[in-house]
Protein backbone atom coordinates (compact mmCIF):
# COMPACT_ATOMS: atom_id res chain seq x y z
CA UNK A 1 49.20 64.76 100.98
CA UNK A 2 50.35 61.21 100.17
CA UNK A 3 47.82 58.96 98.49
CA UNK A 4 46.55 56.21 100.84
CA UNK A 5 47.75 52.76 99.79
CA UNK A 6 45.72 50.25 97.84
CA UNK A 7 45.65 46.53 98.62
CA UNK A 8 45.78 43.50 96.31
CA UNK A 9 44.92 40.10 97.78
CA UNK A 10 45.53 36.93 95.77
CA UNK A 11 43.43 33.91 96.72
CA UNK A 12 42.93 30.33 95.60
CA UNK A 13 40.53 27.98 97.44
CA UNK A 14 40.91 30.03 100.64
CA UNK A 15 37.49 31.58 101.15
CA UNK A 16 37.59 31.74 104.95
CA UNK A 17 41.17 33.05 104.86
CA UNK A 18 40.48 35.97 102.53
CA UNK A 19 37.40 36.98 104.53
CA UNK A 20 39.57 37.04 107.63
CA UNK A 21 42.23 39.07 105.87
CA UNK A 22 39.69 41.63 104.67
CA UNK A 23 38.34 41.83 108.19
CA UNK A 24 41.82 42.67 109.50
CA UNK A 25 41.94 45.62 107.07
CA UNK A 26 38.78 47.18 108.53
CA UNK A 27 39.47 50.67 109.81
CA UNK A 28 42.78 51.05 107.98
CA UNK A 29 43.59 53.95 105.68
CA UNK A 30 43.23 51.93 102.47
CA UNK A 31 41.86 53.70 99.41
CA UNK A 32 40.89 50.59 97.45
CA UNK A 33 41.07 46.81 97.79
CA UNK A 34 41.10 44.29 94.95
CA UNK A 35 40.73 40.55 95.50
CA UNK A 36 42.06 38.48 92.60
CA UNK A 37 40.63 34.98 92.81
CA UNK A 38 42.51 32.38 90.78
CA UNK A 39 40.04 29.69 89.84
CA UNK A 40 38.59 28.89 93.28
CA UNK A 41 35.66 26.50 93.50
CA UNK A 42 34.85 27.20 97.16
CA UNK A 43 32.63 30.24 96.61
CA UNK A 44 35.32 32.83 97.36
CA UNK A 45 34.13 35.45 94.86
CA UNK A 46 30.49 35.24 95.95
CA UNK A 47 31.38 35.37 99.64
CA UNK A 48 33.65 38.40 99.27
CA UNK A 49 31.05 40.33 97.23
CA UNK A 50 28.39 39.54 99.84
CA UNK A 51 30.45 40.40 102.95
CA UNK A 52 32.55 43.25 101.51
CA UNK A 53 30.60 44.92 98.68
CA UNK A 54 33.11 47.78 98.53
CA UNK A 55 35.89 45.36 97.50
CA UNK A 56 36.50 44.78 93.80
CA UNK A 57 36.68 41.07 92.91
CA UNK A 58 38.43 39.82 89.77
CA UNK A 59 38.08 36.18 88.77
CA UNK A 60 40.87 34.58 86.75
CA UNK A 61 41.88 31.08 85.78
CA UNK A 62 44.53 29.62 88.06
CA UNK A 63 47.43 31.19 86.19
CA UNK A 64 49.68 31.70 89.21
CA UNK A 65 50.40 34.24 91.92
CA UNK A 66 52.55 36.60 89.83
CA UNK A 67 50.05 37.02 87.00
CA UNK A 68 47.23 37.55 89.50
CA UNK A 69 49.18 40.14 91.50
CA UNK A 70 50.12 42.00 88.31
CA UNK A 71 46.44 42.10 87.30
CA UNK A 72 45.45 43.55 90.66
CA UNK A 73 48.23 46.14 90.55
CA UNK A 74 46.97 47.46 87.21
CA UNK A 75 43.52 48.07 88.69
CA UNK A 76 44.68 50.27 91.58
CA UNK A 77 45.79 53.85 91.04
CA UNK A 78 47.72 54.39 94.28
CA UNK A 79 51.45 55.04 94.22
CA UNK A 80 51.87 52.48 97.02
CA UNK A 81 50.17 49.10 96.89
CA UNK A 82 50.18 46.34 99.51
CA UNK A 83 50.28 42.91 97.83
CA UNK A 84 49.43 39.99 100.12
CA UNK A 85 48.34 36.39 100.39
CA UNK A 86 44.81 35.61 101.55
CA UNK A 87 46.12 33.90 104.72
CA UNK A 88 47.67 37.09 106.14
CA UNK A 89 46.25 39.09 109.01
CA UNK A 90 47.30 42.74 109.34
CA UNK A 91 47.82 44.11 112.83
CA UNK A 92 46.73 47.59 113.80
CA UNK A 93 48.83 50.26 112.10
CA UNK A 94 50.83 47.85 109.93
CA UNK A 95 49.46 49.06 106.58
CA UNK A 96 50.20 52.71 107.37
CA UNK A 97 53.65 51.89 108.74
CA UNK A 98 54.65 50.06 105.55
CA UNK A 99 53.36 52.87 103.32
CA UNK A 100 55.20 55.53 105.33
CA UNK A 101 58.57 53.87 104.74
CA UNK A 102 58.09 54.10 100.98
CA UNK A 103 56.78 57.66 101.19
CA UNK A 104 59.77 58.70 103.29
CA UNK A 105 62.57 57.23 101.14
CA UNK A 106 62.36 57.45 97.33
CA UNK A 107 65.17 54.91 96.89
CA UNK A 108 63.14 52.07 98.43
CA UNK A 109 60.96 49.94 96.14
CA UNK A 110 59.75 47.20 98.52
CA UNK A 111 59.01 47.14 102.24
CA UNK A 112 58.24 44.01 104.19
CA UNK A 113 56.86 43.65 107.73
CA UNK A 114 57.83 41.29 110.50
CA UNK A 115 55.91 38.10 109.70
CA UNK A 116 54.74 35.75 112.41
CA UNK A 117 52.87 32.48 112.56
CA UNK A 118 49.41 32.70 114.17
CA UNK A 119 50.89 31.47 117.47
CA UNK A 120 53.42 34.33 117.45
CA UNK A 121 56.52 32.45 116.31
CA UNK A 122 58.59 34.49 113.83
CA UNK A 123 58.86 33.61 110.16
CA UNK A 124 62.12 34.38 108.37
CA UNK A 125 60.68 36.82 105.86
CA UNK A 126 63.73 39.01 105.13
CA UNK A 127 66.45 36.83 103.65
CA UNK A 128 69.87 36.93 102.06
CA UNK A 129 70.50 35.86 98.49
CA UNK A 130 72.46 32.65 99.11
CA UNK A 131 75.65 31.61 97.38
CA UNK A 132 75.77 28.12 95.89
CA UNK A 133 77.22 26.47 99.01
CA UNK A 134 74.67 28.06 101.31
CA UNK A 135 71.81 27.11 98.99
CA UNK A 136 72.89 23.47 98.82
CA UNK A 137 73.51 23.24 102.56
CA UNK A 138 70.16 24.79 103.39
CA UNK A 139 68.18 22.66 100.93
CA UNK A 140 69.71 19.37 102.09
CA UNK A 141 69.74 20.04 105.83
CA UNK A 142 66.94 22.33 106.95
CA UNK A 143 64.18 19.70 107.36
CA UNK A 144 66.09 17.36 109.65
CA UNK A 145 68.60 19.87 111.11
CA UNK A 146 66.80 23.23 111.26
CA UNK A 147 69.61 24.92 113.23
CA UNK A 148 72.26 24.21 110.57
CA UNK A 149 74.60 27.12 109.75
CA UNK A 150 73.55 27.40 106.08
CA UNK A 151 69.89 27.91 106.93
CA UNK A 152 70.81 30.43 109.61
CA UNK A 153 72.87 32.38 107.08
CA UNK A 154 70.24 32.22 104.32
CA UNK A 155 67.32 33.18 106.56
CA UNK A 156 69.40 35.86 108.33
CA UNK A 157 68.69 34.24 111.70
CA UNK A 158 71.94 35.74 112.99
CA UNK A 159 70.48 39.26 112.67
CA UNK A 160 68.34 40.98 115.30
CA UNK A 161 64.75 40.49 113.99
CA UNK A 162 63.64 43.73 115.66
CA UNK A 163 66.15 45.88 113.75
CA UNK A 164 65.07 47.62 110.52
CA UNK A 165 67.49 46.92 107.69
CA UNK A 166 68.03 46.62 103.97
CA UNK A 167 67.70 43.07 102.73
CA UNK A 168 68.30 41.10 99.54
CA UNK A 169 64.68 40.00 99.22
CA UNK A 170 61.41 39.83 101.10
CA UNK A 171 58.67 37.26 101.39
CA UNK A 172 55.80 38.06 99.04
CA UNK A 173 53.21 36.99 101.62
CA UNK A 174 52.88 40.73 102.43
CA UNK A 175 54.74 43.50 100.62
CA UNK A 176 54.40 47.24 100.24
CA UNK A 177 55.30 48.01 96.63
CA UNK A 178 56.28 51.31 94.99
CA UNK A 179 54.30 51.37 91.77
CA UNK A 180 56.83 53.16 89.53
CA UNK A 181 59.65 50.80 90.54
CA UNK A 182 57.38 47.77 90.07
CA UNK A 183 56.39 48.92 86.60
CA UNK A 184 59.98 49.80 85.69
CA UNK A 185 61.08 46.15 86.02
CA UNK A 186 57.89 44.68 84.57
CA UNK A 187 56.27 43.52 87.81
CA UNK A 188 56.24 39.89 88.88
CA UNK A 189 57.41 37.41 86.28
CA UNK A 190 54.26 35.41 85.38
CA UNK A 191 56.50 32.53 84.29
CA UNK A 192 56.68 31.51 87.95
CA UNK A 193 53.38 29.80 88.67
CA UNK A 194 54.10 29.71 92.40
CA UNK A 195 57.18 30.33 94.58
CA UNK A 196 60.36 32.31 93.90
CA UNK A 197 58.54 35.18 92.14
CA UNK A 198 59.30 37.42 95.13
CA UNK A 199 62.99 36.48 95.11
CA UNK A 200 63.10 37.15 91.36
CA UNK A 201 61.42 40.54 91.80
CA UNK A 202 63.83 41.56 94.56
CA UNK A 203 66.88 40.62 92.46
CA UNK A 204 65.62 42.54 89.41
CA UNK A 205 64.79 45.61 91.50
CA UNK A 206 68.24 45.60 93.10
CA UNK A 207 69.85 45.29 89.66
CA UNK A 208 67.86 48.37 88.60
CA UNK A 209 69.20 50.35 91.58
CA UNK A 210 66.27 50.03 93.98
CA UNK A 211 66.38 48.94 97.63
CA UNK A 212 64.28 46.48 99.64
CA UNK A 213 63.66 47.32 103.28
CA UNK A 214 62.62 45.18 106.25
CA UNK A 215 60.46 47.17 108.69
CA UNK A 216 59.65 45.10 111.82
CA UNK A 217 57.55 47.83 113.46
CA UNK A 218 54.82 46.63 111.09
CA UNK A 219 53.63 43.12 111.97
CA UNK A 220 51.44 40.64 110.11
CA UNK A 221 50.42 37.08 110.95
CA UNK A 222 50.64 34.44 108.26
CA UNK A 223 49.22 30.94 108.26
CA UNK A 224 51.70 29.40 105.86
CA UNK A 225 50.53 27.22 102.99
CA UNK A 226 46.76 27.71 103.31
CA UNK A 227 46.18 26.94 99.63
CA UNK A 228 48.93 24.35 99.10
CA UNK A 229 49.16 22.13 102.18
CA UNK A 230 46.57 19.69 100.80
CA UNK A 231 48.68 19.19 97.66
CA UNK A 232 52.14 19.11 99.14
CA UNK A 233 53.73 16.83 96.55
CA UNK A 234 52.57 19.01 93.68
CA UNK A 235 53.70 22.12 95.57
CA UNK A 236 57.23 20.72 95.94
CA UNK A 237 57.44 19.97 92.21
CA UNK A 238 56.21 23.49 91.38
CA UNK A 239 58.78 24.93 93.78
CA UNK A 240 61.58 22.98 92.12
CA UNK A 241 60.53 24.20 88.67
CA UNK A 242 60.52 27.78 89.92
CA UNK A 243 64.02 27.40 91.34
CA UNK A 244 65.20 26.01 88.01
CA UNK A 245 63.64 28.97 86.18
CA UNK A 246 65.37 31.40 88.53
CA UNK A 247 68.72 29.74 87.82
CA UNK A 248 68.16 29.98 84.05
CA UNK A 249 67.19 33.65 84.26
CA UNK A 250 69.92 34.91 86.56
CA UNK A 251 72.90 32.57 86.09
CA UNK A 252 73.68 32.51 82.38
CA UNK A 253 77.41 31.99 82.17
CA UNK A 254 78.96 28.90 80.54
CA UNK A 255 79.76 27.32 83.91
CA UNK A 256 76.14 27.58 85.04
CA UNK A 257 74.95 26.20 81.71
CA UNK A 258 77.14 23.16 82.21
CA UNK A 259 75.89 22.76 85.78
CA UNK A 260 72.23 22.95 84.81
CA UNK A 261 71.67 19.17 84.42
CA UNK A 262 73.27 18.67 87.83
CA UNK A 263 70.95 21.31 89.26
CA UNK A 264 67.90 19.50 87.86
CA UNK A 265 69.09 16.22 89.31
CA UNK A 266 69.61 17.89 92.67
CA UNK A 267 66.14 19.42 92.61
CA UNK A 268 64.56 16.05 91.84
CA UNK A 269 66.42 14.59 94.80
CA UNK A 270 65.41 17.52 97.00
CA UNK A 271 61.71 17.01 96.16
CA UNK A 272 61.89 13.28 96.93
CA UNK A 273 63.86 13.64 100.17
CA UNK A 274 61.75 16.54 101.45
CA UNK A 275 58.48 14.77 100.71
CA UNK A 276 59.64 11.58 102.44
CA UNK A 277 61.09 13.44 105.42
CA UNK A 278 57.88 15.39 105.96
CA UNK A 279 55.77 12.25 105.80
CA UNK A 280 58.06 10.44 108.28
CA UNK A 281 58.16 13.37 110.71
CA UNK A 282 54.42 13.94 110.35
CA UNK A 283 53.69 10.27 111.02
CA UNK A 284 55.88 10.31 114.14
CA UNK A 285 54.15 13.40 115.46
CA UNK A 286 50.72 11.92 114.80
CA UNK A 287 51.61 8.71 116.63
CA UNK A 288 52.77 10.63 119.70
CA UNK A 289 49.90 13.10 119.69
CA UNK A 290 52.21 16.03 118.88
CA UNK A 291 50.59 18.74 116.73
CA UNK A 292 51.30 18.33 113.02
CA UNK A 293 49.97 21.66 111.75
CA UNK A 294 53.28 23.44 112.00
CA UNK A 295 56.07 23.26 109.41
CA UNK A 296 55.46 19.66 108.41
CA UNK A 297 51.72 19.41 107.97
CA UNK A 298 51.29 22.84 106.43
CA UNK A 299 54.71 22.76 104.86
CA UNK A 300 56.83 25.88 104.99
CA UNK A 301 55.57 27.00 101.64
CA UNK A 302 55.36 30.73 102.02
CA UNK A 303 55.73 32.97 99.00
CA UNK A 304 59.28 32.74 97.73
CA UNK A 305 62.22 30.46 97.56
CA UNK A 306 62.21 29.49 101.23
CA UNK A 307 62.17 25.74 101.68
């Protein structure tokens, strides 16, 4: 008999969100749940212990998503662990569906569900590893021209979202993780405080011979940026630093070393342009009465390198 999966939820200043996430896990075949709270001041730990006494709560300093997720993984004995953000809601059967994919194929290390916004719109959670041209085109165009060809290629928008497939990497907002593969590559890199740690994990797992699988029969809902939308400028800077770290770790040839100052300059420009564009678009929407709590107000700041 396969061991039921465990669940690790990482939270920061998202008390209501993590309570909702835990509620969505009620009735699922989960053997153990650990909530890792990273320095919240909103009463998260107390509220979880009061409402869900069976859940183990670990309180850490705000040392980042990767370090928190690694801590939670070490506390759960299951062979399969679901790692998720606090602002995720699991639909009926999704936890079991994700675990079954890993149990049925020993070559798969990560499985990701179809991810949707609360209003049902799809999020691009299974993405390609972009080449340099695609990355530049996406970063410079996606805010003002969302339908550009580079973003479509990077986010795999040209692929049927209802078709299961192997993928380069998966959004860390909700992942089923094979423990032995995770431990083999050292888990999440805690050097990423926020963003890109899921991309980095997927690349290292693929280099070690493991596969990542997108399984759209499992569905979760994700309210993007619950813990970062109030600090959007800081979040953009953190994202840029994570992208720079990824480049240093995975592109080490002499050409990339020479290009590194240019990359930093480009990231600085990306932060400035993105921040200004979001403020302009948000102001226009506010003045016309159009809702601003979509990509602009919340910022598309899901786990990973997606911008």
